[in-house]
Amino acid sequence: MKYFSEDHEWVEIDGDEATIGISEYAVNELGDITYVELPAEDEDLIVGDVLGVVESVKTSADIYSPISGTVSAVNDALDDDPGLLNESPEEKGWICKIINFESAELDDMMNEAAYAKYLRELKK
């Protein structure tokens, strides 16, 4: 199951590991992605920390950590091909994986249906 933040980050839980990325909506708003700054492995994150930066032809945007934990892996493929975010933001374009996360923090996030409703409200 995926969870979404109001800042358009997503989290997908797989056992003891959480994968974090940015939503398709965020990618579409940014335009063509030209560069992604990834967090460092073993970095400890707290909800709201900047974990990376995405630059596009239009602008640059901080990526905020939607949950707390320790970075266990980063998507090195984005170094060579930042366009993966445009092609597959919620699958191949993941940003990082974290461990030791606080699952209770997921309660403050939206499920896919609530996020879809949130996006509809934004477009009004």
PDB file of N, CA and C in Angstrom:
ATOM      1  N   MET A   1       0.841  -1.183   0.000  1.00  0.00           N
ATOM      2  CA  MET A   1       0.000   0.000   0.000  1.00  0.00           C
ATOM      3  C   MET A   1       0.885   1.245   0.000  1.00  0.00           C
ATOM      4  N   LYS A   2       0.476   2.219  -0.781  1.00  0.00           N
ATOM      5  CA  LYS A   2       1.195   3.487  -0.834  1.00  0.00           C
ATOM      6  C   LYS A   2       0.498   4.519   0.022  1.00  0.00           C
ATOM      7  N   TYR A   3       1.312   5.378   0.621  1.00  0.00           N
ATOM      8  CA  TYR A   3       0.841   6.505   1.404  1.00  0.00           C
ATOM      9  C   TYR A   3       1.406   7.772   0.766  1.00  0.00           C
ATOM     10  N   PHE A   4       0.648   8.857   0.824  1.00  0.00           N
ATOM     11  CA  PHE A   4       1.056  10.104   0.192  1.00  0.00           C
ATOM     12  C   PHE A   4       1.011  11.252   1.180  1.00  0.00           C
ATOM     13  N   SER A   5       1.928  12.209   0.994  1.00  0.00           N
ATOM     14  CA  SER A   5       1.941  13.421   1.814  1.00  0.00           C
ATOM     15  C   SER A   5       1.321  14.570   1.020  1.00  0.00           C
ATOM     16  N   GLU A   6       0.987  15.640   1.719  1.00  0.00           N
ATOM     17  CA  GLU A   6       0.462  16.827   1.047  1.00  0.00           C
ATOM     18  C   GLU A   6       1.524  17.501   0.186  1.00  0.00           C
ATOM     19  N   ASP A   7       2.795  17.176   0.433  1.00  0.00           N
ATOM     20  CA  ASP A   7       3.894  17.712  -0.378  1.00  0.00           C
ATOM     21  C   ASP A   7       4.189  16.831  -1.589  1.00  0.00           C
ATOM     22  N   HIS A   8       3.372  15.800  -1.805  1.00  0.00           N
ATOM     23  CA  HIS A   8       3.436  14.927  -2.975  1.00  0.00           C
ATOM     24  C   HIS A   8       4.584  13.918  -2.946  1.00  0.00           C
ATOM     25  N   GLU A   9       5.037  13.572  -1.741  1.00  0.00           N
ATOM     26  CA  GLU A   9       5.944  12.443  -1.606  1.00  0.00           C
ATOM     27  C   GLU A   9       5.101  11.200  -1.331  1.00  0.00           C
ATOM     28  N   TRP A  10       5.624  10.051  -1.705  1.00  0.00           N
ATOM     29  CA  TRP A  10       4.925   8.802  -1.404  1.00  0.00           C
ATOM     30  C   TRP A  10       5.858   7.866  -0.641  1.00  0.00           C
ATOM     31  N   VAL A  11       5.235   6.953   0.091  1.00  0.00           N
ATOM     32  CA  VAL A  11       5.945   5.927   0.845  1.00  0.00           C
ATOM     33  C   VAL A  11       5.254   4.602   0.567  1.00  0.00           C
ATOM     34  N   GLU A  12       6.047   3.582   0.278  1.00  0.00           N
ATOM     35  CA  GLU A  12       5.505   2.231   0.119  1.00  0.00           C
ATOM     36  C   GLU A  12       6.270   1.317   1.071  1.00  0.00           C
ATOM     37  N   ILE A  13       5.536   0.605   1.898  1.00  0.00           N
ATOM     38  CA  ILE A  13       6.133  -0.256   2.914  1.00  0.00           C
ATOM     39  C   ILE A  13       6.241  -1.678   2.387  1.00  0.00           C
ATOM     40  N   ASP A  14       7.439  -2.263   2.566  1.00  0.00           N
ATOM     41  CA  ASP A  14       7.674  -3.653   2.210  1.00  0.00           C
ATOM     42  C   ASP A  14       8.455  -4.275   3.360  1.00  0.00           C
ATOM     43  N   GLY A  15       7.726  -4.908   4.276  1.00  0.00           N
ATOM     44  CA  GLY A  15       8.363  -5.498   5.450  1.00  0.00           C
ATOM     45  C   GLY A  15       8.949  -4.432   6.348  1.00  0.00           C
ATOM     46  N   ASP A  16      10.279  -4.509   6.568  1.00  0.00           N
ATOM     47  CA  ASP A  16      10.958  -3.563   7.457  1.00  0.00           C
ATOM     48  C   ASP A  16      11.580  -2.391   6.697  1.00  0.00           C
ATOM     49  N   GLU A  17      11.236  -2.265   5.410  1.00  0.00           N
ATOM     50  CA  GLU A  17      11.828  -1.206   4.591  1.00  0.00           C
ATOM     51  C   GLU A  17      10.735  -0.361   3.956  1.00  0.00           C
ATOM     52  N   ALA A  18      10.985   0.945   3.887  1.00  0.00           N
ATOM     53  CA  ALA A  18      10.037   1.871   3.270  1.00  0.00           C
ATOM     54  C   ALA A  18      10.727   2.529   2.077  1.00  0.00           C
ATOM     55  N   THR A  19      10.058   2.519   0.931  1.00  0.00           N
ATOM     56  CA  THR A  19      10.578   3.192  -0.269  1.00  0.00           C
ATOM     57  C   THR A  19       9.895   4.544  -0.366  1.00  0.00           C
ATOM     58  N   ILE A  20      10.685   5.584  -0.665  1.00  0.00           N
ATOM     59  CA  ILE A  20      10.181   6.950  -0.756  1.00  0.00           C
ATOM     60  C   ILE A  20      10.422   7.489  -2.156  1.00  0.00           C
ATOM     61  N   GLY A  21       9.438   8.227  -2.665  1.00  0.00           N
ATOM     62  CA  GLY A  21       9.581   8.879  -3.959  1.00  0.00           C
ATOM     63  C   GLY A  21       8.665  10.077  -4.037  1.00  0.00           C
ATOM     64  N   ILE A  22       8.581  10.664  -5.223  1.00  0.00           N
ATOM     65  CA  ILE A  22       7.647  11.769  -5.431  1.00  0.00           C
ATOM     66  C   ILE A  22       6.567  11.317  -6.403  1.00  0.00           C
ATOM     67  N   SER A  23       5.386  11.881  -6.248  1.00  0.00           N
ATOM     68  CA  SER A  23       4.223  11.415  -6.995  1.00  0.00           C
ATOM     69  C   SER A  23       4.253  11.844  -8.462  1.00  0.00           C
ATOM     70  N   GLU A  24       3.451  11.166  -9.239  1.00  0.00           N
ATOM     71  CA  GLU A  24       3.307  11.504 -10.647  1.00  0.00           C
ATOM     72  C   GLU A  24       2.820  12.941 -10.797  1.00  0.00           C
ATOM     73  N   TYR A  25       1.934  13.372  -9.913  1.00  0.00           N
ATOM     74  CA  TYR A  25       1.444  14.747  -9.941  1.00  0.00           C
ATOM     75  C   TYR A  25       2.609  15.731  -9.798  1.00  0.00           C
ATOM     76  N   ALA A  26       3.489  15.488  -8.823  1.00  0.00           N
ATOM     77  CA  ALA A  26       4.638  16.373  -8.593  1.00  0.00           C
ATOM     78  C   ALA A  26       5.535  16.421  -9.811  1.00  0.00           C
ATOM     79  N   VAL A  27       5.805  15.274 -10.396  1.00  0.00           N
ATOM     80  CA  VAL A  27       6.662  15.209 -11.581  1.00  0.00           C
ATOM     81  C   VAL A  27       6.040  15.989 -12.731  1.00  0.00           C
ATOM     82  N   ASN A  28       4.737  15.835 -12.924  1.00  0.00           N
ATOM     83  CA  ASN A  28       4.063  16.562 -14.003  1.00  0.00           C
ATOM     84  C   ASN A  28       4.117  18.073 -13.774  1.00  0.00           C
ATOM     85  N   GLU A  29       4.018  18.495 -12.514  1.00  0.00           N
ATOM     86  CA  GLU A  29       4.095  19.917 -12.196  1.00  0.00           C
ATOM     87  C   GLU A  29       5.505  20.469 -12.436  1.00  0.00           C
ATOM     88  N   LEU A  30       6.516  19.648 -12.170  1.00  0.00           N
ATOM     89  CA  LEU A  30       7.905  20.084 -12.339  1.00  0.00           C
ATOM     90  C   LEU A  30       8.331  20.155 -13.801  1.00  0.00           C
ATOM     91  N   GLY A  31       7.801  19.269 -14.632  1.00  0.00           N
ATOM     92  CA  GLY A  31       8.244  19.203 -16.025  1.00  0.00           C
ATOM     93  C   GLY A  31       9.416  18.244 -16.158  1.00  0.00           C
ATOM     94  N   ASP A  32      10.174  18.378 -17.246  1.00  0.00           N
ATOM     95  CA  ASP A  32      11.274  17.449 -17.507  1.00  0.00           C
ATOM     96  C   ASP A  32      12.350  17.553 -16.435  1.00  0.00           C
ATOM     97  N   ILE A  33      12.597  16.451 -15.739  1.00  0.00           N
ATOM     98  CA  ILE A  33      13.593  16.400 -14.671  1.00  0.00           C
ATOM     99  C   ILE A  33      14.987  16.316 -15.294  1.00  0.00           C
ATOM    100  N   THR A  34      15.889  17.195 -14.825  1.00  0.00           N
ATOM    101  CA  THR A  34      17.243  17.223 -15.377  1.00  0.00           C
ATOM    102  C   THR A  34      18.307  16.774 -14.377  1.00  0.00           C
ATOM    103  N   TYR A  35      17.974  16.805 -13.077  1.00  0.00           N
ATOM    104  CA  TYR A  35      18.958  16.452 -12.055  1.00  0.00           C
ATOM    105  C   TYR A  35      18.228  16.066 -10.771  1.00  0.00           C
ATOM    106  N   VAL A  36      18.780  15.068 -10.072  1.00  0.00           N
ATOM    107  CA  VAL A  36      18.238  14.663  -8.774  1.00  0.00           C
ATOM    108  C   VAL A  36      19.396  14.565  -7.787  1.00  0.00           C
ATOM    109  N   GLU A  37      19.262  15.284  -6.672  1.00  0.00           N
ATOM    110  CA  GLU A  37      20.239  15.175  -5.583  1.00  0.00           C
ATOM    111  C   GLU A  37      19.666  14.189  -4.576  1.00  0.00           C
ATOM    112  N   LEU A  38      20.401  13.119  -4.334  1.00  0.00           N
ATOM    113  CA  LEU A  38      19.933  12.047  -3.457  1.00  0.00           C
ATOM    114  C   LEU A  38      20.504  12.203  -2.049  1.00  0.00           C
ATOM    115  N   PRO A  39      19.833  11.638  -1.051  1.00  0.00           N
ATOM    116  CA  PRO A  39      20.392  11.666   0.308  1.00  0.00           C
ATOM    117  C   PRO A  39      21.581  10.712   0.408  1.00  0.00           C
ATOM    118  N   ALA A  40      22.320  10.825   1.488  1.00  0.00           N
ATOM    119  CA  ALA A  40      23.443   9.919   1.740  1.00  0.00           C
ATOM    120  C   ALA A  40      22.933   8.658   2.423  1.00  0.00           C
ATOM    121  N   GLU A  41      23.507   7.517   2.049  1.00  0.00           N
ATOM    122  CA  GLU A  41      23.159   6.282   2.748  1.00  0.00           C
ATOM    123  C   GLU A  41      23.569   6.415   4.212  1.00  0.00           C
ATOM    124  N   ASP A  42      22.817   5.793   5.077  1.00  0.00           N
ATOM    125  CA  ASP A  42      23.006   5.820   6.533  1.00  0.00           C
ATOM    126  C   ASP A  42      22.623   7.158   7.168  1.00  0.00           C
ATOM    127  N   GLU A  43      22.085   8.098   6.377  1.00  0.00           N
ATOM    128  CA  GLU A  43      21.633   9.372   6.930  1.00  0.00           C
ATOM    129  C   GLU A  43      20.347   9.150   7.714  1.00  0.00           C
ATOM    130  N   ASP A  44      20.279   9.754   8.897  1.00  0.00           N
ATOM    131  CA  ASP A  44      19.062   9.683   9.705  1.00  0.00           C
ATOM    132  C   ASP A  44      18.157  10.845   9.322  1.00  0.00           C
ATOM    133  N   LEU A  45      16.891  10.545   9.074  1.00  0.00           N
ATOM    134  CA  LEU A  45      15.916  11.548   8.661  1.00  0.00           C
ATOM    135  C   LEU A  45      14.792  11.654   9.679  1.00  0.00           C
ATOM    136  N   ILE A  46      14.278  12.844   9.833  1.00  0.00           N
ATOM    137  CA  ILE A  46      13.102  13.103  10.652  1.00  0.00           C
ATOM    138  C   ILE A  46      12.042  13.665   9.722  1.00  0.00           C
ATOM    139  N   VAL A  47      10.786  13.398  10.012  1.00  0.00           N
ATOM    140  CA  VAL A  47       9.695  13.916   9.191  1.00  0.00           C
ATOM    141  C   VAL A  47       9.928  15.399   8.896  1.00  0.00           C
ATOM    142  N   GLY A  48       9.843  15.765   7.631  1.00  0.00           N
ATOM    143  CA  GLY A  48       9.996  17.160   7.237  1.00  0.00           C
ATOM    144  C   GLY A  48      11.407  17.551   6.840  1.00  0.00           C
ATOM    145  N   ASP A  49      12.407  16.691   7.131  1.00  0.00           N
ATOM    146  CA  ASP A  49      13.775  16.980   6.696  1.00  0.00           C
ATOM    147  C   ASP A  49      13.848  16.982   5.176  1.00  0.00           C
ATOM    148  N   VAL A  50      14.697  17.831   4.625  1.00  0.00           N
ATOM    149  CA  VAL A  50      14.952  17.790   3.185  1.00  0.00           C
ATOM    150  C   VAL A  50      15.852  16.587   2.929  1.00  0.00           C
ATOM    151  N   LEU A  51      15.384  15.649   2.123  1.00  0.00           N
ATOM    152  CA  LEU A  51      16.194  14.467   1.848  1.00  0.00           C
ATOM    153  C   LEU A  51      16.838  14.531   0.474  1.00  0.00           C
ATOM    154  N   GLY A  52      16.429  15.477  -0.350  1.00  0.00           N
ATOM    155  CA  GLY A  52      17.025  15.625  -1.662  1.00  0.00           C
ATOM    156  C   GLY A  52      16.429  16.806  -2.398  1.00  0.00           C
ATOM    157  N   VAL A  53      16.900  16.994  -3.633  1.00  0.00           N
ATOM    158  CA  VAL A  53      16.429  18.086  -4.480  1.00  0.00           C
ATOM    159  C   VAL A  53      16.210  17.541  -5.879  1.00  0.00           C
ATOM    160  N   VAL A  54      15.141  18.015  -6.508  1.00  0.00           N
ATOM    161  CA  VAL A  54      14.858  17.668  -7.902  1.00  0.00           C
ATOM    162  C   VAL A  54      14.915  18.953  -8.707  1.00  0.00           C
ATOM    163  N   GLU A  55      15.672  18.933  -9.799  1.00  0.00           N
ATOM    164  CA  GLU A  55      15.738  20.089 -10.680  1.00  0.00           C
ATOM    165  C   GLU A  55      15.122  19.713 -12.019  1.00  0.00           C
ATOM    166  N   SER A  56      14.365  20.661 -12.565  1.00  0.00           N
ATOM    167  CA  SER A  56      13.735  20.446 -13.863  1.00  0.00           C
ATOM    168  C   SER A  56      14.023  21.647 -14.756  1.00  0.00           C
ATOM    169  N   VAL A  57      13.527  21.598 -15.976  1.00  0.00           N
ATOM    170  CA  VAL A  57      13.718  22.723 -16.881  1.00  0.00           C
ATOM    171  C   VAL A  57      12.982  23.958 -16.366  1.00  0.00           C
ATOM    172  N   LYS A  58      11.965  23.781 -15.525  1.00  0.00           N
ATOM    173  CA  LYS A  58      11.174  24.891 -14.995  1.00  0.00           C
ATOM    174  C   LYS A  58      11.707  25.452 -13.684  1.00  0.00           C
ATOM    175  N   THR A  59      12.127  24.559 -12.770  1.00  0.00           N
ATOM    176  CA  THR A  59      12.403  24.983 -11.398  1.00  0.00           C
ATOM    177  C   THR A  59      13.183  23.907 -10.654  1.00  0.00           C
ATOM    178  N   SER A  60      13.453  24.161  -9.387  1.00  0.00           N
ATOM    179  CA  SER A  60      13.988  23.104  -8.528  1.00  0.00           C
ATOM    180  C   SER A  60      13.085  23.025  -7.299  1.00  0.00           C
ATOM    181  N   ALA A  61      13.029  21.849  -6.709  1.00  0.00           N
ATOM    182  CA  ALA A  61      12.144  21.638  -5.558  1.00  0.00           C
ATOM    183  C   ALA A  61      12.810  20.698  -4.566  1.00  0.00           C
ATOM    184  N   ASP A  62      12.640  21.024  -3.291  1.00  0.00           N
ATOM    185  CA  ASP A  62      13.120  20.133  -2.234  1.00  0.00           C
ATOM    186  C   ASP A  62      12.194  18.934  -2.131  1.00  0.00           C
ATOM    187  N   ILE A  63      12.785  17.804  -1.759  1.00  0.00           N
ATOM    188  CA  ILE A  63      12.019  16.599  -1.456  1.00  0.00           C
ATOM    189  C   ILE A  63      12.088  16.432   0.058  1.00  0.00           C
ATOM    190  N   TYR A  64      10.930  16.355   0.684  1.00  0.00           N
ATOM    191  CA  TYR A  64      10.861  16.262   2.143  1.00  0.00           C
ATOM    192  C   TYR A  64      10.601  14.820   2.570  1.00  0.00           C
ATOM    193  N   SER A  65      11.223  14.431   3.655  1.00  0.00           N
ATOM    194  CA  SER A  65      11.004  13.083   4.167  1.00  0.00           C
ATOM    195  C   SER A  65       9.616  12.988   4.797  1.00  0.00           C
ATOM    196  N   PRO A  66       8.776  12.093   4.270  1.00  0.00           N
ATOM    197  CA  PRO A  66       7.432  11.969   4.829  1.00  0.00           C
ATOM    198  C   PRO A  66       7.384  11.168   6.133  1.00  0.00           C
ATOM    199  N   ILE A  67       8.446  10.394   6.404  1.00  0.00           N
ATOM    200  CA  ILE A  67       8.538   9.639   7.657  1.00  0.00           C
ATOM    201  C   ILE A  67       9.986   9.669   8.152  1.00  0.00           C
ATOM    202  N   SER A  68      10.166   9.346   9.417  1.00  0.00           N
ATOM    203  CA  SER A  68      11.497   9.302  10.015  1.00  0.00           C
ATOM    204  C   SER A  68      12.114   7.925   9.826  1.00  0.00           C
ATOM    205  N   GLY A  69      13.445   7.886   9.737  1.00  0.00           N
ATOM    206  CA  GLY A  69      14.145   6.616   9.607  1.00  0.00           C
ATOM    207  C   GLY A  69      15.570   6.834   9.136  1.00  0.00           C
ATOM    208  N   THR A  70      16.244   5.739   8.779  1.00  0.00           N
ATOM    209  CA  THR A  70      17.630   5.766   8.332  1.00  0.00           C
ATOM    210  C   THR A  70      17.687   5.315   6.874  1.00  0.00           C
ATOM    211  N   VAL A  71      18.367   6.097   6.042  1.00  0.00           N
ATOM    212  CA  VAL A  71      18.484   5.761   4.620  1.00  0.00           C
ATOM    213  C   VAL A  71      19.307   4.482   4.473  1.00  0.00           C
ATOM    214  N   SER A  72      18.711   3.468   3.858  1.00  0.00           N
ATOM    215  CA  SER A  72      19.399   2.192   3.664  1.00  0.00           C
ATOM    216  C   SER A  72      19.863   2.002   2.221  1.00  0.00           C
ATOM    217  N   ALA A  73      19.262   2.737   1.282  1.00  0.00           N
ATOM    218  CA  ALA A  73      19.654   2.639  -0.131  1.00  0.00           C
ATOM    219  C   ALA A  73      19.159   3.879  -0.857  1.00  0.00           C
ATOM    220  N   VAL A  74      19.877   4.240  -1.914  1.00  0.00           N
ATOM    221  CA  VAL A  74      19.442   5.332  -2.780  1.00  0.00           C
ATOM    222  C   VAL A  74      19.374   4.801  -4.207  1.00  0.00           C
ATOM    223  N   ASN A  75      18.575   5.442  -5.023  1.00  0.00           N
ATOM    224  CA  ASN A  75      18.382   5.010  -6.406  1.00  0.00           C
ATOM    225  C   ASN A  75      19.475   5.634  -7.277  1.00  0.00           C
ATOM    226  N   ASP A  76      20.636   4.978  -7.326  1.00  0.00           N
ATOM    227  CA  ASP A  76      21.776   5.481  -8.093  1.00  0.00           C
ATOM    228  C   ASP A  76      21.464   5.627  -9.579  1.00  0.00           C
ATOM    229  N   ALA A  77      20.471   4.917 -10.073  1.00  0.00           N
ATOM    230  CA  ALA A  77      20.102   5.018 -11.488  1.00  0.00           C
ATOM    231  C   ALA A  77      19.693   6.450 -11.849  1.00  0.00           C
ATOM    232  N   LEU A  78      19.207   7.215 -10.855  1.00  0.00           N
ATOM    233  CA  LEU A  78      18.793   8.593 -11.111  1.00  0.00           C
ATOM    234  C   LEU A  78      19.984   9.515 -11.378  1.00  0.00           C
ATOM    235  N   ASP A  79      21.179   9.118 -10.909  1.00  0.00           N
ATOM    236  CA  ASP A  79      22.378   9.910 -11.205  1.00  0.00           C
ATOM    237  C   ASP A  79      22.648   9.927 -12.710  1.00  0.00           C
ATOM    238  N   ASP A  80      22.533   8.765 -13.330  1.00  0.00           N
ATOM    239  CA  ASP A  80      22.805   8.644 -14.766  1.00  0.00           C
ATOM    240  C   ASP A  80      21.608   9.031 -15.622  1.00  0.00           C
ATOM    241  N   ASP A  81      20.418   8.805 -15.095  1.00  0.00           N
ATOM    242  CA  ASP A  81      19.210   9.041 -15.884  1.00  0.00           C
ATOM    243  C   ASP A  81      18.111   9.648 -15.016  1.00  0.00           C
ATOM    244  N   PRO A  82      18.202  10.966 -14.728  1.00  0.00           N
ATOM    245  CA  PRO A  82      17.173  11.598 -13.901  1.00  0.00           C
ATOM    246  C   PRO A  82      15.787  11.552 -14.551  1.00  0.00           C
ATOM    247  N   GLY A  83      15.752  11.342 -15.866  1.00  0.00           N
ATOM    248  CA  GLY A  83      14.483  11.231 -16.584  1.00  0.00           C
ATOM    249  C   GLY A  83      13.653  10.032 -16.168  1.00  0.00           C
ATOM    250  N   LEU A  84      14.250   9.096 -15.423  1.00  0.00           N
ATOM    251  CA  LEU A  84      13.470   7.968 -14.892  1.00  0.00           C
ATOM    252  C   LEU A  84      12.301   8.468 -14.064  1.00  0.00           C
ATOM    253  N   LEU A  85      12.499   9.617 -13.424  1.00  0.00           N
ATOM    254  CA  LEU A  85      11.406  10.200 -12.639  1.00  0.00           C
ATOM    255  C   LEU A  85      10.234  10.578 -13.535  1.00  0.00           C
ATOM    256  N   ASN A  86      10.509  11.088 -14.732  1.00  0.00           N
ATOM    257  CA  ASN A  86       9.428  11.433 -15.649  1.00  0.00           C
ATOM    258  C   ASN A  86       8.744  10.183 -16.193  1.00  0.00           C
ATOM    259  N   GLU A  87       9.537   9.170 -16.477  1.00  0.00           N
ATOM    260  CA  GLU A  87       9.010   7.943 -17.092  1.00  0.00           C
ATOM    261  C   GLU A  87       8.231   7.088 -16.103  1.00  0.00           C
ATOM    262  N   SER A  88       8.722   7.002 -14.863  1.00  0.00           N
ATOM    263  CA  SER A  88       8.147   6.060 -13.903  1.00  0.00           C
ATOM    264  C   SER A  88       8.329   6.571 -12.473  1.00  0.00           C
ATOM    265  N   PRO A  89       7.642   7.697 -12.121  1.00  0.00           N
ATOM    266  CA  PRO A  89       7.890   8.319 -10.820  1.00  0.00           C
ATOM    267  C   PRO A  89       7.517   7.455  -9.622  1.00  0.00           C
ATOM    268  N   GLU A  90       6.562   6.558  -9.794  1.00  0.00           N
ATOM    269  CA  GLU A  90       6.111   5.788  -8.635  1.00  0.00           C
ATOM    270  C   GLU A  90       6.550   4.323  -8.705  1.00  0.00           C
ATOM    271  N   GLU A  91       7.522   4.047  -9.576  1.00  0.00           N
ATOM    272  CA  GLU A  91       8.093   2.700  -9.637  1.00  0.00           C
ATOM    273  C   GLU A  91       9.613   2.794  -9.790  1.00  0.00           C
ATOM    274  N   LYS A  92      10.121   2.921 -11.007  1.00  0.00           N
ATOM    275  CA  LYS A  92      11.567   2.953 -11.245  1.00  0.00           C
ATOM    276  C   LYS A  92      12.226   4.227 -10.741  1.00  0.00           C
ATOM    277  N   GLY A  93      11.454   5.303 -10.576  1.00  0.00           N
ATOM    278  CA  GLY A  93      12.005   6.587 -10.176  1.00  0.00           C
ATOM    279  C   GLY A  93      12.001   6.831  -8.680  1.00  0.00           C
ATOM    280  N   TRP A  94      11.977   5.775  -7.872  1.00  0.00           N
ATOM    281  CA  TRP A  94      12.019   5.962  -6.418  1.00  0.00           C
ATOM    282  C   TRP A  94      13.299   6.704  -6.029  1.00  0.00           C
ATOM    283  N   ILE A  95      13.252   7.405  -4.892  1.00  0.00           N
ATOM    284  CA  ILE A  95      14.382   8.220  -4.449  1.00  0.00           C
ATOM    285  C   ILE A  95      15.300   7.456  -3.493  1.00  0.00           C
ATOM    286  N   CYS A  96      14.717   6.908  -2.424  1.00  0.00           N
ATOM    287  CA  CYS A  96      15.528   6.179  -1.448  1.00  0.00           C
ATOM    288  C   CYS A  96      14.677   5.169  -0.696  1.00  0.00           C
ATOM    289  N   LYS A  97      15.364   4.308   0.023  1.00  0.00           N
ATOM    290  CA  LYS A  97      14.708   3.348   0.909  1.00  0.00           C
ATOM    291  C   LYS A  97      15.211   3.638   2.318  1.00  0.00           C
ATOM    292  N   ILE A  98      14.310   3.503   3.289  1.00  0.00           N
ATOM    293  CA  ILE A  98      14.716   3.724   4.673  1.00  0.00           C
ATOM    294  C   ILE A  98      14.301   2.548   5.550  1.00  0.00           C
ATOM    295  N   ILE A  99      15.056   2.388   6.621  1.00  0.00           N
ATOM    296  CA  ILE A  99      14.768   1.362   7.632  1.00  0.00           C
ATOM    297  C   ILE A  99      14.591   2.073   8.968  1.00  0.00           C
ATOM    298  N   ASN A 100      14.216   1.315   9.969  1.00  0.00           N
ATOM    299  CA  ASN A 100      14.012   1.863  11.322  1.00  0.00           C
ATOM    300  C   ASN A 100      13.025   3.031  11.292  1.00  0.00           C
ATOM    301  N   PHE A 101      11.998   2.904  10.461  1.00  0.00           N
ATOM    302  CA  PHE A 101      11.027   3.989  10.336  1.00  0.00           C
ATOM    303  C   PHE A 101       9.945   3.868  11.401  1.00  0.00           C
ATOM    304  N   GLU A 102       9.290   4.981  11.626  1.00  0.00           N
ATOM    305  CA  GLU A 102       8.195   5.052  12.591  1.00  0.00           C
ATOM    306  C   GLU A 102       6.880   4.788  11.867  1.00  0.00           C
ATOM    307  N   SER A 103       6.351   3.584  11.970  1.00  0.00           N
ATOM    308  CA  SER A 103       5.122   3.249  11.239  1.00  0.00           C
ATOM    309  C   SER A 103       3.929   4.091  11.696  1.00  0.00           C
ATOM    310  N   ALA A 104       3.952   4.581  12.935  1.00  0.00           N
ATOM    311  CA  ALA A 104       2.852   5.418  13.427  1.00  0.00           C
ATOM    312  C   ALA A 104       2.742   6.708  12.625  1.00  0.00           C
ATOM    313  N   GLU A 105       3.837   7.159  12.030  1.00  0.00           N
ATOM    314  CA  GLU A 105       3.821   8.387  11.232  1.00  0.00           C
ATOM    315  C   GLU A 105       3.001   8.228   9.948  1.00  0.00           C
ATOM    316  N   LEU A 106       2.786   7.007   9.532  1.00  0.00           N
ATOM    317  CA  LEU A 106       1.969   6.762   8.336  1.00  0.00           C
ATOM    318  C   LEU A 106       0.519   7.189   8.565  1.00  0.00           C
ATOM    319  N   ASP A 107       0.108   7.231   9.833  1.00  0.00           N
ATOM    320  CA  ASP A 107      -1.260   7.638  10.162  1.00  0.00           C
ATOM    321  C   ASP A 107      -1.537   9.082   9.746  1.00  0.00           C
ATOM    322  N   ASP A 108      -0.477   9.883   9.607  1.00  0.00           N
ATOM    323  CA  ASP A 108      -0.627  11.284   9.211  1.00  0.00           C
ATOM    324  C   ASP A 108      -0.617  11.465   7.688  1.00  0.00           C
ATOM    325  N   MET A 109      -0.491  10.343   6.963  1.00  0.00           N
ATOM    326  CA  MET A 109      -0.435  10.415   5.499  1.00  0.00           C
ATOM    327  C   MET A 109      -1.751   9.946   4.901  1.00  0.00           C
ATOM    328  N   MET A 110      -1.911  10.153   3.595  1.00  0.00           N
ATOM    329  CA  MET A 110      -3.140   9.773   2.888  1.00  0.00           C
ATOM    330  C   MET A 110      -2.942   8.461   2.145  1.00  0.00           C
ATOM    331  N   ASN A 111      -4.007   7.650   2.086  1.00  0.00           N
ATOM    332  CA  ASN A 111      -3.964   6.489   1.209  1.00  0.00           C
ATOM    333  C   ASN A 111      -4.223   6.969  -0.223  1.00  0.00           C
ATOM    334  N   GLU A 112      -4.196   6.059  -1.190  1.00  0.00           N
ATOM    335  CA  GLU A 112      -4.323   6.463  -2.597  1.00  0.00           C
ATOM    336  C   GLU A 112      -5.652   7.154  -2.888  1.00  0.00           C
ATOM    337  N   ALA A 113      -6.730   6.671  -2.293  1.00  0.00           N
ATOM    338  CA  ALA A 113      -8.047   7.270  -2.540  1.00  0.00           C
ATOM    339  C   ALA A 113      -8.111   8.687  -1.958  1.00  0.00           C
ATOM    340  N   ALA A 114      -7.598   8.859  -0.748  1.00  0.00           N
ATOM    341  CA  ALA A 114      -7.606  10.182  -0.119  1.00  0.00           C
ATOM    342  C   ALA A 114      -6.701  11.145  -0.894  1.00  0.00           C
ATOM    343  N   TYR A 115      -5.581  10.650  -1.409  1.00  0.00           N
ATOM    344  CA  TYR A 115      -4.675  11.495  -2.183  1.00  0.00           C
ATOM    345  C   TYR A 115      -5.329  11.928  -3.497  1.00  0.00           C
ATOM    346  N   ALA A 116      -6.033  11.009  -4.144  1.00  0.00           N
ATOM    347  CA  ALA A 116      -6.748  11.354  -5.385  1.00  0.00           C
ATOM    348  C   ALA A 116      -7.776  12.457  -5.112  1.00  0.00           C
ATOM    349  N   LYS A 117      -8.475  12.347  -3.991  1.00  0.00           N
ATOM    350  CA  LYS A 117      -9.442  13.381  -3.615  1.00  0.00           C
ATOM    351  C   LYS A 117      -8.724  14.702  -3.346  1.00  0.00           C
ATOM    352  N   TYR A 118      -7.596  14.651  -2.656  1.00  0.00           N
ATOM    353  CA  TYR A 118      -6.793  15.835  -2.367  1.00  0.00           C
ATOM    354  C   TYR A 118      -6.376  16.536  -3.671  1.00  0.00           C
ATOM    355  N   LEU A 119      -5.945  15.744  -4.664  1.00  0.00           N
ATOM    356  CA  LEU A 119      -5.549  16.324  -5.955  1.00  0.00           C
ATOM    357  C   LEU A 119      -6.717  16.991  -6.663  1.00  0.00           C
ATOM    358  N   ARG A 120      -7.895  16.368  -6.569  1.00  0.00           N
ATOM    359  CA  ARG A 120      -9.089  16.977  -7.188  1.00  0.00           C
ATOM    360  C   ARG A 120      -9.384  18.326  -6.540  1.00  0.00           C
ATOM    361  N   GLU A 121      -9.225  18.409  -5.221  1.00  0.00           N
ATOM    362  CA  GLU A 121      -9.454  19.669  -4.505  1.00  0.00           C
ATOM    363  C   GLU A 121      -8.447  20.738  -4.916  1.00  0.00           C
ATOM    364  N   LEU A 122      -7.200  20.322  -5.163  1.00  0.00           N
ATOM    365  CA  LEU A 122      -6.172  21.273  -5.579  1.00  0.00           C
ATOM    366  C   LEU A 122      -6.487  21.913  -6.937  1.00  0.00           C
ATOM    367  N   LYS A 123      -7.124  21.138  -7.776  1.00  0.00           N
ATOM    368  CA  LYS A 123      -7.403  21.595  -9.148  1.00  0.00           C
ATOM    369  C   LYS A 123      -8.602  22.521  -9.239  1.00  0.00           C
ATOM    370  N   LYS A 124      -9.332  22.657  -8.138  1.00  0.00           N
ATOM    371  CA  LYS A 124     -10.527  23.525  -8.157  1.00  0.00           C
ATOM    372  C   LYS A 124     -10.144  24.983  -8.138  1.00  0.00           C
TER     373      LYS A 124
END
